[in-house]
Amino acid sequence: MAQLVFKCPRTGMNVQHWLEEAEPREQHPVYESVVCKACTRIHFINSATGKLLGEERAN
């Protein structure tokens, strides 16, 4: 398991979450849905990079 910290897009708070480590089997990104502890909504996180869905395009 890997611990990651992401910024909740609704509240701006840093949120800790544990994800199972991604297996390098595909070139396509794999996103996992997680329930945010800051806003209780679902966010999609790239299991390989730990970035939120859409964050790659913004940065």
N, C-alpha and C. Protein backbone atom coordinates (compact mmCIF):
# COMPACT_ATOMS: atom_id res chain seq x y z
N MET A 1 0.84 -1.18 0.00
CA MET A 1 0.00 0.00 0.00
C MET A 1 0.88 1.23 0.00
N ALA A 2 0.35 2.26 -0.61
CA ALA A 2 1.09 3.51 -0.69
C ALA A 2 0.24 4.64 -0.11
N GLN A 3 0.87 5.46 0.71
CA GLN A 3 0.19 6.60 1.27
C GLN A 3 0.39 7.78 0.33
N LEU A 4 -0.69 8.53 0.10
CA LEU A 4 -0.55 9.72 -0.72
C LEU A 4 -1.34 10.84 -0.10
N VAL A 5 -0.97 12.04 -0.44
CA VAL A 5 -1.66 13.24 0.01
C VAL A 5 -2.10 13.99 -1.23
N PHE A 6 -3.40 14.33 -1.29
CA PHE A 6 -3.89 15.12 -2.41
C PHE A 6 -4.66 16.30 -1.87
N LYS A 7 -4.80 17.32 -2.69
CA LYS A 7 -5.54 18.51 -2.30
C LYS A 7 -6.97 18.38 -2.79
N CYS A 8 -7.92 18.46 -1.87
CA CYS A 8 -9.34 18.37 -2.23
C CYS A 8 -9.70 19.58 -3.09
N PRO A 9 -10.26 19.35 -4.27
CA PRO A 9 -10.59 20.48 -5.15
C PRO A 9 -11.75 21.32 -4.62
N ARG A 10 -12.57 20.80 -3.74
CA ARG A 10 -13.70 21.57 -3.19
C ARG A 10 -13.31 22.41 -1.99
N THR A 11 -12.52 21.84 -1.08
CA THR A 11 -12.19 22.55 0.16
C THR A 11 -10.80 23.15 0.17
N GLY A 12 -9.90 22.63 -0.69
CA GLY A 12 -8.52 23.09 -0.70
C GLY A 12 -7.68 22.48 0.41
N MET A 13 -8.24 21.58 1.18
CA MET A 13 -7.51 20.94 2.27
C MET A 13 -6.67 19.77 1.75
N ASN A 14 -5.55 19.52 2.41
CA ASN A 14 -4.74 18.34 2.10
C ASN A 14 -5.38 17.13 2.77
N VAL A 15 -5.52 16.04 2.00
CA VAL A 15 -6.18 14.83 2.49
C VAL A 15 -5.24 13.66 2.31
N GLN A 16 -5.08 12.85 3.36
CA GLN A 16 -4.27 11.64 3.29
C GLN A 16 -5.16 10.47 2.90
N HIS A 17 -4.61 9.60 2.06
CA HIS A 17 -5.35 8.41 1.67
C HIS A 17 -4.36 7.29 1.35
N TRP A 18 -4.79 6.05 1.56
CA TRP A 18 -3.97 4.88 1.25
C TRP A 18 -4.52 4.23 -0.01
N LEU A 19 -3.65 3.92 -0.96
CA LEU A 19 -4.01 3.20 -2.17
C LEU A 19 -3.11 1.98 -2.32
N GLU A 20 -3.66 0.95 -2.92
CA GLU A 20 -2.81 -0.18 -3.27
C GLU A 20 -1.89 0.26 -4.39
N GLU A 21 -0.66 -0.18 -4.35
CA GLU A 21 0.31 0.21 -5.36
C GLU A 21 -0.08 -0.35 -6.71
N ALA A 22 0.05 0.48 -7.73
CA ALA A 22 -0.35 0.09 -9.08
C ALA A 22 0.69 -0.86 -9.67
N GLU A 23 0.21 -1.80 -10.43
CA GLU A 23 1.11 -2.70 -11.14
C GLU A 23 1.37 -2.11 -12.52
N PRO A 24 2.61 -2.06 -12.95
CA PRO A 24 2.92 -1.47 -14.26
C PRO A 24 2.57 -2.41 -15.40
N ARG A 25 1.27 -2.58 -15.66
CA ARG A 25 0.84 -3.53 -16.68
C ARG A 25 0.33 -2.85 -17.94
N GLU A 26 -0.06 -1.58 -17.85
CA GLU A 26 -0.63 -0.90 -19.00
C GLU A 26 -0.05 0.51 -19.13
N GLN A 27 -0.14 1.04 -20.32
CA GLN A 27 0.28 2.41 -20.56
C GLN A 27 -0.83 3.40 -20.19
N HIS A 28 -2.07 2.93 -20.18
CA HIS A 28 -3.19 3.81 -19.89
C HIS A 28 -3.29 4.06 -18.39
N PRO A 29 -3.61 5.28 -17.99
CA PRO A 29 -3.74 5.55 -16.55
C PRO A 29 -4.95 4.83 -15.95
N VAL A 30 -4.78 4.37 -14.73
CA VAL A 30 -5.85 3.70 -14.01
C VAL A 30 -6.24 4.59 -12.84
N TYR A 31 -7.51 4.96 -12.78
CA TYR A 31 -8.00 5.82 -11.71
C TYR A 31 -8.86 5.01 -10.75
N GLU A 32 -8.67 5.29 -9.46
CA GLU A 32 -9.47 4.65 -8.42
C GLU A 32 -10.35 5.71 -7.79
N SER A 33 -11.57 5.34 -7.46
CA SER A 33 -12.45 6.27 -6.78
C SER A 33 -12.19 6.20 -5.28
N VAL A 34 -12.09 7.36 -4.65
CA VAL A 34 -11.88 7.43 -3.21
C VAL A 34 -12.88 8.42 -2.62
N VAL A 35 -13.32 8.14 -1.42
CA VAL A 35 -14.20 9.07 -0.71
C VAL A 35 -13.31 10.04 0.05
N CYS A 36 -13.47 11.31 -0.26
CA CYS A 36 -12.66 12.36 0.35
C CYS A 36 -13.09 12.57 1.80
N LYS A 37 -12.12 12.61 2.71
CA LYS A 37 -12.42 12.81 4.12
C LYS A 37 -12.68 14.28 4.44
N ALA A 38 -12.36 15.18 3.51
CA ALA A 38 -12.59 16.60 3.75
C ALA A 38 -13.99 17.04 3.33
N CYS A 39 -14.48 16.53 2.19
CA CYS A 39 -15.78 16.98 1.67
C CYS A 39 -16.79 15.85 1.52
N THR A 40 -16.41 14.62 1.78
CA THR A 40 -17.23 13.41 1.69
C THR A 40 -17.73 13.12 0.29
N ARG A 41 -17.12 13.69 -0.72
CA ARG A 41 -17.47 13.40 -2.11
C ARG A 41 -16.46 12.42 -2.68
N ILE A 42 -16.77 11.90 -3.85
CA ILE A 42 -15.87 10.95 -4.51
C ILE A 42 -14.94 11.70 -5.45
N HIS A 43 -13.66 11.39 -5.38
CA HIS A 43 -12.66 11.90 -6.29
C HIS A 43 -11.99 10.71 -6.96
N PHE A 44 -11.46 10.92 -8.16
CA PHE A 44 -10.76 9.87 -8.89
C PHE A 44 -9.28 10.18 -8.88
N ILE A 45 -8.49 9.22 -8.39
CA ILE A 45 -7.05 9.40 -8.23
C ILE A 45 -6.32 8.40 -9.09
N ASN A 46 -5.31 8.86 -9.82
CA ASN A 46 -4.46 8.00 -10.63
C ASN A 46 -3.65 7.13 -9.67
N SER A 47 -3.80 5.82 -9.79
CA SER A 47 -3.14 4.92 -8.85
C SER A 47 -1.63 4.88 -9.03
N ALA A 48 -1.12 5.31 -10.18
CA ALA A 48 0.33 5.31 -10.40
C ALA A 48 0.98 6.61 -9.94
N THR A 49 0.32 7.75 -10.19
CA THR A 49 0.93 9.05 -9.88
C THR A 49 0.39 9.71 -8.62
N GLY A 50 -0.82 9.33 -8.20
CA GLY A 50 -1.43 9.96 -7.04
C GLY A 50 -2.10 11.28 -7.34
N LYS A 51 -2.23 11.62 -8.62
CA LYS A 51 -2.86 12.88 -9.00
C LYS A 51 -4.34 12.68 -9.26
N LEU A 52 -5.10 13.74 -9.04
CA LEU A 52 -6.53 13.72 -9.29
C LEU A 52 -6.82 13.74 -10.78
N LEU A 53 -7.96 13.17 -11.16
CA LEU A 53 -8.40 13.21 -12.54
C LEU A 53 -8.54 14.66 -12.98
N GLY A 54 -7.92 15.03 -14.09
CA GLY A 54 -7.94 16.40 -14.59
C GLY A 54 -6.76 17.23 -14.13
N GLU A 55 -6.06 16.80 -13.08
CA GLU A 55 -4.92 17.55 -12.56
C GLU A 55 -3.74 17.53 -13.53
N GLU A 56 -3.60 16.43 -14.31
CA GLU A 56 -2.50 16.35 -15.26
C GLU A 56 -2.63 17.42 -16.34
N ARG A 57 -3.86 17.71 -16.76
CA ARG A 57 -4.07 18.72 -17.80
C ARG A 57 -3.85 20.12 -17.25
N ALA A 58 -4.17 20.35 -15.98
CA ALA A 58 -4.05 21.67 -15.39
C ALA A 58 -2.60 22.05 -15.15
N ASN A 59 -1.72 21.09 -14.89
CA ASN A 59 -0.32 21.38 -14.59
C ASN A 59 0.57 21.10 -15.75
